[in-house]
């Protein structure tokens, strides 16, 4: 997954999905609907990106993710979030730049 100049291995896991739902206060399907409606906050987008980037084995802080989103721009961050949510909803069929979902 790439955001601006940063590139990470990303992995969608069940733990990551649970963290996304907790960060957004709703289920994963509704999170996708909110992305489609343009109703996710930047804080929520970073809360979606962070556990999935960490799930890829990267030692990154939330601040690192926030800086990458700022550098890349919101449109690129929204695209990355869409790829993550697509992977989560399809049960692991690979999306470009996001590794398949795994248990854990």
PDB file of N, CA and C in Angstrom:
ATOM      1  N   UNK A   1       0.850  -1.168   0.000  1.00  0.00           N
ATOM      2  CA  UNK A   1       0.000   0.000   0.000  1.00  0.00           C
ATOM      3  C   UNK A   1       0.891   1.224   0.000  1.00  0.00           C
ATOM      4  N   UNK A   2       0.555   2.179  -0.820  1.00  0.00           N
ATOM      5  CA  UNK A   2       1.331   3.409  -0.899  1.00  0.00           C
ATOM      6  C   UNK A   2       0.462   4.611  -0.561  1.00  0.00           C
ATOM      7  N   UNK A   3       1.061   5.504   0.196  1.00  0.00           N
ATOM      8  CA  UNK A   3       0.461   6.806   0.494  1.00  0.00           C
ATOM      9  C   UNK A   3       1.559   7.836   0.306  1.00  0.00           C
ATOM     10  N   UNK A   4       1.459   8.625  -0.725  1.00  0.00           N
ATOM     11  CA  UNK A   4       2.516   9.592  -1.000  1.00  0.00           C
ATOM     12  C   UNK A   4       3.829   8.879  -1.236  1.00  0.00           C
ATOM     13  N   UNK A   5       4.853   9.277  -0.497  1.00  0.00           N
ATOM     14  CA  UNK A   5       6.182   8.673  -0.622  1.00  0.00           C
ATOM     15  C   UNK A   5       6.346   7.413   0.215  1.00  0.00           C
ATOM     16  N   UNK A   6       5.378   7.086   1.027  1.00  0.00           N
ATOM     17  CA  UNK A   6       5.460   5.929   1.916  1.00  0.00           C
ATOM     18  C   UNK A   6       4.861   4.688   1.255  1.00  0.00           C
ATOM     19  N   UNK A   7       5.547   3.561   1.395  1.00  0.00           N
ATOM     20  CA  UNK A   7       5.019   2.292   0.906  1.00  0.00           C
ATOM     21  C   UNK A   7       5.162   1.257   2.012  1.00  0.00           C
ATOM     22  N   UNK A   8       4.071   0.556   2.284  1.00  0.00           N
ATOM     23  CA  UNK A   8       4.058  -0.468   3.320  1.00  0.00           C
ATOM     24  C   UNK A   8       3.403  -1.732   2.791  1.00  0.00           C
ATOM     25  N   UNK A   9       3.766  -2.861   3.386  1.00  0.00           N
ATOM     26  CA  UNK A   9       2.991  -4.084   3.203  1.00  0.00           C
ATOM     27  C   UNK A   9       1.785  -3.943   4.119  1.00  0.00           C
ATOM     28  N   UNK A  10       0.605  -4.195   3.599  1.00  0.00           N
ATOM     29  CA  UNK A  10      -0.623  -4.081   4.391  1.00  0.00           C
ATOM     30  C   UNK A  10      -1.317  -5.432   4.398  1.00  0.00           C
ATOM     31  N   UNK A  11      -1.948  -5.772   5.523  1.00  0.00           N
ATOM     32  CA  UNK A  11      -2.649  -7.042   5.622  1.00  0.00           C
ATOM     33  C   UNK A  11      -3.945  -6.837   6.398  1.00  0.00           C
ATOM     34  N   UNK A  12      -5.042  -7.230   5.764  1.00  0.00           N
ATOM     35  CA  UNK A  12      -6.347  -7.168   6.419  1.00  0.00           C
ATOM     36  C   UNK A  12      -6.506  -8.443   7.243  1.00  0.00           C
ATOM     37  N   UNK A  13      -6.775  -8.270   8.527  1.00  0.00           N
ATOM     38  CA  UNK A  13      -6.999  -9.401   9.429  1.00  0.00           C
ATOM     39  C   UNK A  13      -8.326  -9.201  10.157  1.00  0.00           C
ATOM     40  N   UNK A  14      -8.806 -10.249  10.792  1.00  0.00           N
ATOM     41  CA  UNK A  14     -10.038 -10.112  11.591  1.00  0.00           C
ATOM     42  C   UNK A  14      -9.825  -9.113  12.724  1.00  0.00           C
ATOM     43  N   UNK A  15      -8.647  -9.134  13.332  1.00  0.00           N
ATOM     44  CA  UNK A  15      -8.341  -8.165  14.382  1.00  0.00           C
ATOM     45  C   UNK A  15      -8.371  -6.744  13.812  1.00  0.00           C
ATOM     46  N   UNK A  16      -7.808  -6.570  12.633  1.00  0.00           N
ATOM     47  CA  UNK A  16      -7.818  -5.259  11.993  1.00  0.00           C
ATOM     48  C   UNK A  16      -9.229  -4.779  11.702  1.00  0.00           C
ATOM     49  N   UNK A  17     -10.072  -5.694  11.227  1.00  0.00           N
ATOM     50  CA  UNK A  17     -11.466  -5.334  10.957  1.00  0.00           C
ATOM     51  C   UNK A  17     -12.167  -4.916  12.246  1.00  0.00           C
ATOM     52  N   UNK A  18     -11.927  -5.654  13.321  1.00  0.00           N
ATOM     53  CA  UNK A  18     -12.532  -5.295  14.615  1.00  0.00           C
ATOM     54  C   UNK A  18     -12.059  -3.919  15.078  1.00  0.00           C
ATOM     55  N   UNK A  19     -10.790  -3.625  14.858  1.00  0.00           N
ATOM     56  CA  UNK A  19     -10.259  -2.311  15.247  1.00  0.00           C
ATOM     57  C   UNK A  19     -10.867  -1.194  14.396  1.00  0.00           C
ATOM     58  N   UNK A  20     -11.081  -1.470  13.125  1.00  0.00           N
ATOM     59  CA  UNK A  20     -11.733  -0.493  12.244  1.00  0.00           C
ATOM     60  C   UNK A  20     -13.145  -0.213  12.739  1.00  0.00           C
ATOM     61  N   UNK A  21     -13.891  -1.276  13.045  1.00  0.00           N
ATOM     62  CA  UNK A  21     -15.260  -1.099  13.537  1.00  0.00           C
ATOM     63  C   UNK A  21     -15.280  -0.305  14.839  1.00  0.00           C
ATOM     64  N   UNK A  22     -14.320  -0.571  15.719  1.00  0.00           N
ATOM     65  CA  UNK A  22     -14.251   0.166  16.986  1.00  0.00           C
ATOM     66  C   UNK A  22     -13.896   1.636  16.740  1.00  0.00           C
ATOM     67  N   UNK A  23     -12.954   1.889  15.845  1.00  0.00           N
ATOM     68  CA  UNK A  23     -12.541   3.266  15.562  1.00  0.00           C
ATOM     69  C   UNK A  23     -13.663   4.083  14.936  1.00  0.00           C
ATOM     70  N   UNK A  24     -14.517   3.407  14.155  1.00  0.00           N
ATOM     71  CA  UNK A  24     -15.599   4.114  13.454  1.00  0.00           C
ATOM     72  C   UNK A  24     -16.939   4.018  14.166  1.00  0.00           C
ATOM     73  N   UNK A  25     -17.016   3.167  15.172  1.00  0.00           N
ATOM     74  CA  UNK A  25     -18.250   3.057  15.946  1.00  0.00           C
ATOM     75  C   UNK A  25     -19.398   2.406  15.199  1.00  0.00           C
ATOM     76  N   UNK A  26     -19.085   1.602  14.184  1.00  0.00           N
ATOM     77  CA  UNK A  26     -20.128   0.940  13.413  1.00  0.00           C
ATOM     78  C   UNK A  26     -19.532  -0.257  12.679  1.00  0.00           C
ATOM     79  N   UNK A  27     -20.396  -1.064  12.088  1.00  0.00           N
ATOM     80  CA  UNK A  27     -19.963  -2.249  11.361  1.00  0.00           C
ATOM     81  C   UNK A  27     -19.261  -1.901  10.053  1.00  0.00           C
ATOM     82  N   UNK A  28     -18.519  -2.859   9.532  1.00  0.00           N
ATOM     83  CA  UNK A  28     -17.673  -2.648   8.360  1.00  0.00           C
ATOM     84  C   UNK A  28     -18.479  -2.262   7.115  1.00  0.00           C
ATOM     85  N   UNK A  29     -19.676  -2.819   6.949  1.00  0.00           N
ATOM     86  CA  UNK A  29     -20.499  -2.480   5.777  1.00  0.00           C
ATOM     87  C   UNK A  29     -20.926  -1.015   5.849  1.00  0.00           C
ATOM     88  N   UNK A  30     -21.297  -0.563   7.035  1.00  0.00           N
ATOM     89  CA  UNK A  30     -21.688   0.842   7.193  1.00  0.00           C
ATOM     90  C   UNK A  30     -20.494   1.771   7.016  1.00  0.00           C
ATOM     91  N   UNK A  31     -19.302   1.309   7.400  1.00  0.00           N
ATOM     92  CA  UNK A  31     -18.100   2.119   7.184  1.00  0.00           C
ATOM     93  C   UNK A  31     -17.907   2.342   5.685  1.00  0.00           C
ATOM     94  N   UNK A  32     -18.080   1.292   4.894  1.00  0.00           N
ATOM     95  CA  UNK A  32     -17.956   1.431   3.444  1.00  0.00           C
ATOM     96  C   UNK A  32     -18.997   2.413   2.904  1.00  0.00           C
ATOM     97  N   UNK A  33     -20.224   2.330   3.403  1.00  0.00           N
ATOM     98  CA  UNK A  33     -21.264   3.266   2.993  1.00  0.00           C
ATOM     99  C   UNK A  33     -20.897   4.701   3.321  1.00  0.00           C
ATOM    100  N   UNK A  34     -20.291   4.891   4.485  1.00  0.00           N
ATOM    101  CA  UNK A  34     -19.882   6.242   4.883  1.00  0.00           C
ATOM    102  C   UNK A  34     -18.751   6.755   3.993  1.00  0.00           C
ATOM    103  N   UNK A  35     -17.839   5.848   3.595  1.00  0.00           N
ATOM    104  CA  UNK A  35     -16.782   6.254   2.666  1.00  0.00           C
ATOM    105  C   UNK A  35     -17.399   6.677   1.337  1.00  0.00           C
ATOM    106  N   UNK A  36     -18.322   5.876   0.838  1.00  0.00           N
ATOM    107  CA  UNK A  36     -18.991   6.166  -0.437  1.00  0.00           C
ATOM    108  C   UNK A  36     -19.720   7.501  -0.376  1.00  0.00           C
ATOM    109  N   UNK A  37     -20.322   7.797   0.772  1.00  0.00           N
ATOM    110  CA  UNK A  37     -21.056   9.057   0.944  1.00  0.00           C
ATOM    111  C   UNK A  37     -20.142  10.240   1.254  1.00  0.00           C
ATOM    112  N   UNK A  38     -18.836   9.979   1.411  1.00  0.00           N
ATOM    113  CA  UNK A  38     -17.903  11.044   1.773  1.00  0.00           C
ATOM    114  C   UNK A  38     -18.070  11.503   3.199  1.00  0.00           C
ATOM    115  N   UNK A  39     -18.512  10.576   4.067  1.00  0.00           N
ATOM    116  CA  UNK A  39     -18.863  10.924   5.443  1.00  0.00           C
ATOM    117  C   UNK A  39     -17.856  10.418   6.474  1.00  0.00           C
ATOM    118  N   UNK A  40     -16.689   9.924   6.038  1.00  0.00           N
ATOM    119  CA  UNK A  40     -15.659   9.516   6.998  1.00  0.00           C
ATOM    120  C   UNK A  40     -14.780  10.716   7.332  1.00  0.00           C
ATOM    121  N   UNK A  41     -14.448  10.859   8.596  1.00  0.00           N
ATOM    122  CA  UNK A  41     -13.522  11.912   8.997  1.00  0.00           C
ATOM    123  C   UNK A  41     -12.092  11.470   8.711  1.00  0.00           C
ATOM    124  N   UNK A  42     -11.174  12.412   8.699  1.00  0.00           N
ATOM    125  CA  UNK A  42      -9.765  12.050   8.504  1.00  0.00           C
ATOM    126  C   UNK A  42      -9.266  11.188   9.662  1.00  0.00           C
ATOM    127  N   UNK A  43      -9.770  11.444  10.858  1.00  0.00           N
ATOM    128  CA  UNK A  43      -9.405  10.623  12.014  1.00  0.00           C
ATOM    129  C   UNK A  43      -9.845   9.187  11.802  1.00  0.00           C
ATOM    130  N   UNK A  44     -11.050   8.990  11.285  1.00  0.00           N
ATOM    131  CA  UNK A  44     -11.544   7.640  11.019  1.00  0.00           C
ATOM    132  C   UNK A  44     -10.739   6.971   9.898  1.00  0.00           C
ATOM    133  N   UNK A  45     -10.397   7.723   8.859  1.00  0.00           N
ATOM    134  CA  UNK A  45      -9.595   7.137   7.784  1.00  0.00           C
ATOM    135  C   UNK A  45      -8.245   6.664   8.315  1.00  0.00           C
ATOM    136  N   UNK A  46      -7.617   7.466   9.153  1.00  0.00           N
ATOM    137  CA  UNK A  46      -6.347   7.049   9.756  1.00  0.00           C
ATOM    138  C   UNK A  46      -6.554   5.845  10.671  1.00  0.00           C
ATOM    139  N   UNK A  47      -7.707   5.804  11.359  1.00  0.00           N
ATOM    140  CA  UNK A  47      -8.037   4.662  12.210  1.00  0.00           C
ATOM    141  C   UNK A  47      -8.294   3.391  11.413  1.00  0.00           C
ATOM    142  N   UNK A  48      -8.620   3.508  10.157  1.00  0.00           N
ATOM    143  CA  UNK A  48      -8.781   2.359   9.264  1.00  0.00           C
ATOM    144  C   UNK A  48      -7.413   1.929   8.729  1.00  0.00           C
ATOM    145  N   UNK A  49      -6.619   2.886   8.306  1.00  0.00           N
ATOM    146  CA  UNK A  49      -5.318   2.590   7.713  1.00  0.00           C
ATOM    147  C   UNK A  49      -4.330   2.007   8.722  1.00  0.00           C
ATOM    148  N   UNK A  50      -4.298   2.556   9.923  1.00  0.00           N
ATOM    149  CA  UNK A  50      -3.287   2.186  10.910  1.00  0.00           C
ATOM    150  C   UNK A  50      -3.248   0.692  11.244  1.00  0.00           C
ATOM    151  N   UNK A  51      -4.369   0.059  11.639  1.00  0.00           N
ATOM    152  CA  UNK A  51      -4.267  -1.367  12.001  1.00  0.00           C
ATOM    153  C   UNK A  51      -3.941  -2.267  10.809  1.00  0.00           C
ATOM    154  N   UNK A  52      -4.307  -1.854   9.622  1.00  0.00           N
ATOM    155  CA  UNK A  52      -4.040  -2.678   8.436  1.00  0.00           C
ATOM    156  C   UNK A  52      -2.570  -2.559   8.040  1.00  0.00           C
ATOM    157  N   UNK A  53      -2.005  -1.385   8.162  1.00  0.00           N
ATOM    158  CA  UNK A  53      -0.574  -1.211   7.902  1.00  0.00           C
ATOM    159  C   UNK A  53       0.235  -1.953   8.964  1.00  0.00           C
ATOM    160  N   UNK A  54      -0.175  -1.845  10.222  1.00  0.00           N
ATOM    161  CA  UNK A  54       0.514  -2.590  11.289  1.00  0.00           C
ATOM    162  C   UNK A  54       0.367  -4.098  11.075  1.00  0.00           C
ATOM    163  N   UNK A  55      -0.788  -4.521  10.576  1.00  0.00           N
ATOM    164  CA  UNK A  55      -1.020  -5.937  10.311  1.00  0.00           C
ATOM    165  C   UNK A  55      -0.075  -6.508   9.269  1.00  0.00           C
ATOM    166  N   UNK A  56       0.500  -5.641   8.450  1.00  0.00           N
ATOM    167  CA  UNK A  56       1.480  -6.058   7.454  1.00  0.00           C
ATOM    168  C   UNK A  56       2.881  -6.198   8.022  1.00  0.00           C
ATOM    169  N   UNK A  57       3.009  -6.016   9.355  1.00  0.00           N
ATOM    170  CA  UNK A  57       4.299  -6.186  10.014  1.00  0.00           C
ATOM    171  C   UNK A  57       5.122  -4.917  10.120  1.00  0.00           C
ATOM    172  N   UNK A  58       4.481  -3.780   9.930  1.00  0.00           N
ATOM    173  CA  UNK A  58       5.188  -2.495   9.983  1.00  0.00           C
ATOM    174  C   UNK A  58       5.094  -1.882  11.371  1.00  0.00           C
ATOM    175  N   UNK A  59       6.193  -1.305  11.834  1.00  0.00           N
ATOM    176  CA  UNK A  59       6.221  -0.609  13.118  1.00  0.00           C
ATOM    177  C   UNK A  59       5.934   0.867  12.864  1.00  0.00           C
ATOM    178  N   UNK A  60       4.648   1.202  12.788  1.00  0.00           N
ATOM    179  CA  UNK A  60       4.244   2.580  12.509  1.00  0.00           C
ATOM    180  C   UNK A  60       3.313   3.076  13.601  1.00  0.00           C
ATOM    181  N   UNK A  61       3.409   4.344  13.878  1.00  0.00           N
ATOM    182  CA  UNK A  61       2.509   4.967  14.847  1.00  0.00           C
ATOM    183  C   UNK A  61       1.340   5.604  14.107  1.00  0.00           C
ATOM    184  N   UNK A  62       0.322   5.964  14.844  1.00  0.00           N
ATOM    185  CA  UNK A  62      -0.805   6.682  14.259  1.00  0.00           C
ATOM    186  C   UNK A  62      -0.312   8.001  13.660  1.00  0.00           C
ATOM    187  N   UNK A  63       0.639   8.648  14.319  1.00  0.00           N
ATOM    188  CA  UNK A  63       1.187   9.908  13.810  1.00  0.00           C
ATOM    189  C   UNK A  63       1.866   9.694  12.456  1.00  0.00           C
ATOM    190  N   UNK A  64       2.579   8.564  12.282  1.00  0.00           N
ATOM    191  CA  UNK A  64       3.197   8.252  10.990  1.00  0.00           C
ATOM    192  C   UNK A  64       2.135   8.155   9.898  1.00  0.00           C
ATOM    193  N   UNK A  65       1.022   7.498  10.214  1.00  0.00           N
ATOM    194  CA  UNK A  65      -0.067   7.342   9.249  1.00  0.00           C
ATOM    195  C   UNK A  65      -0.690   8.703   8.944  1.00  0.00           C
ATOM    196  N   UNK A  66      -0.913   9.494   9.977  1.00  0.00           N
ATOM    197  CA  UNK A  66      -1.480  10.828   9.768  1.00  0.00           C
ATOM    198  C   UNK A  66      -0.585  11.676   8.873  1.00  0.00           C
ATOM    199  N   UNK A  67       0.714  11.615   9.084  1.00  0.00           N
ATOM    200  CA  UNK A  67       1.653  12.372   8.249  1.00  0.00           C
ATOM    201  C   UNK A  67       1.614  11.881   6.805  1.00  0.00           C
ATOM    202  N   UNK A  68       1.518  10.561   6.617  1.00  0.00           N
ATOM    203  CA  UNK A  68       1.455   9.998   5.263  1.00  0.00           C
ATOM    204  C   UNK A  68       0.176  10.432   4.564  1.00  0.00           C
ATOM    205  N   UNK A  69      -0.937  10.458   5.289  1.00  0.00           N
ATOM    206  CA  UNK A  69      -2.204  10.911   4.712  1.00  0.00           C
ATOM    207  C   UNK A  69      -2.098  12.384   4.323  1.00  0.00           C
ATOM    208  N   UNK A  70      -1.518  13.177   5.171  1.00  0.00           N
ATOM    209  CA  UNK A  70      -1.349  14.599   4.866  1.00  0.00           C
ATOM    210  C   UNK A  70      -0.500  14.791   3.615  1.00  0.00           C
ATOM    211  N   UNK A  71       0.616  14.064   3.550  1.00  0.00           N
ATOM    212  CA  UNK A  71       1.521  14.188   2.404  1.00  0.00           C
ATOM    213  C   UNK A  71       0.880  13.689   1.105  1.00  0.00           C
ATOM    214  N   UNK A  72       0.107  12.602   1.203  1.00  0.00           N
ATOM    215  CA  UNK A  72      -0.498  11.994   0.011  1.00  0.00           C
ATOM    216  C   UNK A  72      -1.728  12.757  -0.461  1.00  0.00           C
ATOM    217  N   UNK A  73      -2.454  13.330   0.469  1.00  0.00           N
ATOM    218  CA  UNK A  73      -3.707  14.003   0.149  1.00  0.00           C
ATOM    219  C   UNK A  73      -4.896  13.104   0.449  1.00  0.00           C
ATOM    220  N   UNK A  74      -6.028  13.721   0.674  1.00  0.00           N
ATOM    221  CA  UNK A  74      -7.218  12.971   1.090  1.00  0.00           C
ATOM    222  C   UNK A  74      -7.747  12.047   0.002  1.00  0.00           C
ATOM    223  N   UNK A  75      -7.642  12.437  -1.258  1.00  0.00           N
ATOM    224  CA  UNK A  75      -8.155  11.573  -2.332  1.00  0.00           C
ATOM    225  C   UNK A  75      -7.399  10.246  -2.365  1.00  0.00           C
ATOM    226  N   UNK A  76      -6.084  10.291  -2.244  1.00  0.00           N
ATOM    227  CA  UNK A  76      -5.295   9.062  -2.238  1.00  0.00           C
ATOM    228  C   UNK A  76      -5.581   8.232  -0.987  1.00  0.00           C
ATOM    229  N   UNK A  77      -5.766   8.898   0.145  1.00  0.00           N
ATOM    230  CA  UNK A  77      -6.095   8.178   1.384  1.00  0.00           C
ATOM    231  C   UNK A  77      -7.450   7.497   1.258  1.00  0.00           C
ATOM    232  N   UNK A  78      -8.417   8.177   0.665  1.00  0.00           N
ATOM    233  CA  UNK A  78      -9.741   7.575   0.478  1.00  0.00           C
ATOM    234  C   UNK A  78      -9.663   6.351  -0.434  1.00  0.00           C
ATOM    235  N   UNK A  79      -8.824   6.412  -1.453  1.00  0.00           N
ATOM    236  CA  UNK A  79      -8.642   5.261  -2.343  1.00  0.00           C
ATOM    237  C   UNK A  79      -8.054   4.077  -1.566  1.00  0.00           C
ATOM    238  N   UNK A  80      -7.056   4.336  -0.745  1.00  0.00           N
ATOM    239  CA  UNK A  80      -6.440   3.274   0.057  1.00  0.00           C
ATOM    240  C   UNK A  80      -7.449   2.663   1.023  1.00  0.00           C
ATOM    241  N   UNK A  81      -8.252   3.498   1.656  1.00  0.00           N
ATOM    242  CA  UNK A  81      -9.293   3.020   2.566  1.00  0.00           C
ATOM    243  C   UNK A  81     -10.296   2.158   1.801  1.00  0.00           C
ATOM    244  N   UNK A  82     -10.670   2.586   0.606  1.00  0.00           N
ATOM    245  CA  UNK A  82     -11.591   1.802  -0.225  1.00  0.00           C
ATOM    246  C   UNK A  82     -11.033   0.427  -0.548  1.00  0.00           C
ATOM    247  N   UNK A  83      -9.734   0.342  -0.842  1.00  0.00           N
ATOM    248  CA  UNK A  83      -9.106  -0.953  -1.116  1.00  0.00           C
ATOM    249  C   UNK A  83      -9.153  -1.858   0.116  1.00  0.00           C
ATOM    250  N   UNK A  84      -8.900  -1.276   1.268  1.00  0.00           N
ATOM    251  CA  UNK A  84      -8.948  -2.039   2.518  1.00  0.00           C
ATOM    252  C   UNK A  84     -10.352  -2.571   2.766  1.00  0.00           C
ATOM    253  N   UNK A  85     -11.341  -1.701   2.653  1.00  0.00           N
ATOM    254  CA  UNK A  85     -12.719  -2.117   2.916  1.00  0.00           C
ATOM    255  C   UNK A  85     -13.183  -3.142   1.891  1.00  0.00           C
ATOM    256  N   UNK A  86     -12.762  -2.990   0.652  1.00  0.00           N
ATOM    257  CA  UNK A  86     -13.092  -3.970  -0.377  1.00  0.00           C
ATOM    258  C   UNK A  86     -12.527  -5.333  -0.040  1.00  0.00           C
ATOM    259  N   UNK A  87     -11.288  -5.375   0.421  1.00  0.00           N
ATOM    260  CA  UNK A  87     -10.664  -6.632   0.824  1.00  0.00           C
ATOM    261  C   UNK A  87     -11.400  -7.238   2.011  1.00  0.00           C
ATOM    262  N   UNK A  88     -11.767  -6.407   2.968  1.00  0.00           N
ATOM    263  CA  UNK A  88     -12.481  -6.907   4.154  1.00  0.00           C
ATOM    264  C   UNK A  88     -13.825  -7.515   3.775  1.00  0.00           C
ATOM    265  N   UNK A  89     -14.526  -6.886   2.846  1.00  0.00           N
ATOM    266  CA  UNK A  89     -15.869  -7.348   2.492  1.00  0.00           C
ATOM    267  C   UNK A  89     -15.866  -8.567   1.575  1.00  0.00           C
ATOM    268  N   UNK A  90     -14.805  -8.752   0.820  1.00  0.00           N
ATOM    269  CA  UNK A  90     -14.765  -9.901  -0.085  1.00  0.00           C
ATOM    270  C   UNK A  90     -14.145 -11.125   0.571  1.00  0.00           C
ATOM    271  N   UNK A  91     -13.800 -11.014   1.836  1.00  0.00           N
ATOM    272  CA  UNK A  91     -13.261 -12.158   2.567  1.00  0.00           C
ATOM    273  C   UNK A  91     -11.860 -12.522   2.165  1.00  0.00           C
ATOM    274  N   UNK A  92     -11.153 -11.605   1.553  1.00  0.00           N
ATOM    275  CA  UNK A  92      -9.756 -11.849   1.305  1.00  0.00           C
ATOM    276  C   UNK A  92      -9.347 -11.944  -0.134  1.00  0.00           C
ATOM    277  N   UNK A  93     -10.241 -11.762  -1.088  1.00  0.00           N
ATOM    278  CA  UNK A  93      -9.786 -11.679  -2.472  1.00  0.00           C
ATOM    279  C   UNK A  93      -8.912 -10.444  -2.575  1.00  0.00           C
ATOM    280  N   UNK A  94      -7.703 -10.609  -3.112  1.00  0.00           N
ATOM    281  CA  UNK A  94      -6.721  -9.534  -3.077  1.00  0.00           C
ATOM    282  C   UNK A  94      -7.152  -8.317  -3.875  1.00  0.00           C
ATOM    283  N   UNK A  95      -6.969  -7.173  -3.275  1.00  0.00           N
ATOM    284  CA  UNK A  95      -7.116  -5.893  -3.936  1.00  0.00           C
ATOM    285  C   UNK A  95      -5.703  -5.408  -4.229  1.00  0.00           C
ATOM    286  N   UNK A  96      -5.549  -4.534  -5.183  1.00  0.00           N
ATOM    287  CA  UNK A  96      -4.228  -4.020  -5.519  1.00  0.00           C
ATOM    288  C   UNK A  96      -3.602  -3.361  -4.295  1.00  0.00           C
ATOM    289  N   UNK A  97      -2.410  -3.826  -3.922  1.00  0.00           N
ATOM    290  CA  UNK A  97      -1.663  -3.197  -2.826  1.00  0.00           C
ATOM    291  C   UNK A  97      -2.054  -3.645  -1.434  1.00  0.00           C
ATOM    292  N   UNK A  98      -3.072  -4.480  -1.297  1.00  0.00           N
ATOM    293  CA  UNK A  98      -3.503  -4.936   0.028  1.00  0.00           C
ATOM    294  C   UNK A  98      -3.507  -6.454   0.021  1.00  0.00           C
ATOM    295  N   UNK A  99      -2.778  -7.045   0.950  1.00  0.00           N
ATOM    296  CA  UNK A  99      -2.712  -8.500   1.033  1.00  0.00           C
ATOM    297  C   UNK A  99      -4.055  -9.056   1.477  1.00  0.00           C
ATOM    298  N   UNK A 100      -4.300 -10.314   1.149  1.00  0.00           N
ATOM    299  CA  UNK A 100      -5.580 -10.926   1.465  1.00  0.00           C
ATOM    300  C   UNK A 100      -5.816 -11.015   2.966  1.00  0.00           C
ATOM    301  N   UNK A 101      -7.065 -11.086   3.317  1.00  0.00           N
ATOM    302  CA  UNK A 101      -7.467 -11.163   4.716  1.00  0.00           C
ATOM    303  C   UNK A 101      -7.028 -12.500   5.295  1.00  0.00           C
ATOM    304  N   UNK A 102      -6.597 -12.453   6.542  1.00  0.00           N
ATOM    305  CA  UNK A 102      -6.193 -13.649   7.260  1.00  0.00           C
ATOM    306  C   UNK A 102      -6.782 -13.617   8.651  1.00  0.00           C
ATOM    307  N   UNK A 103      -6.910 -14.791   9.240  1.00  0.00           N
ATOM    308  CA  UNK A 103      -7.361 -14.840  10.634  1.00  0.00           C
ATOM    309  C   UNK A 103      -6.256 -14.272  11.510  1.00  0.00           C
ATOM    310  N   UNK A 104      -6.670 -13.614  12.609  1.00  0.00           N
ATOM    311  CA  UNK A 104      -5.665 -13.171  13.554  1.00  0.00           C
ATOM    312  C   UNK A 104      -5.761 -11.752  13.919  1.00  0.00           C
TER     313      UNK A 104
END
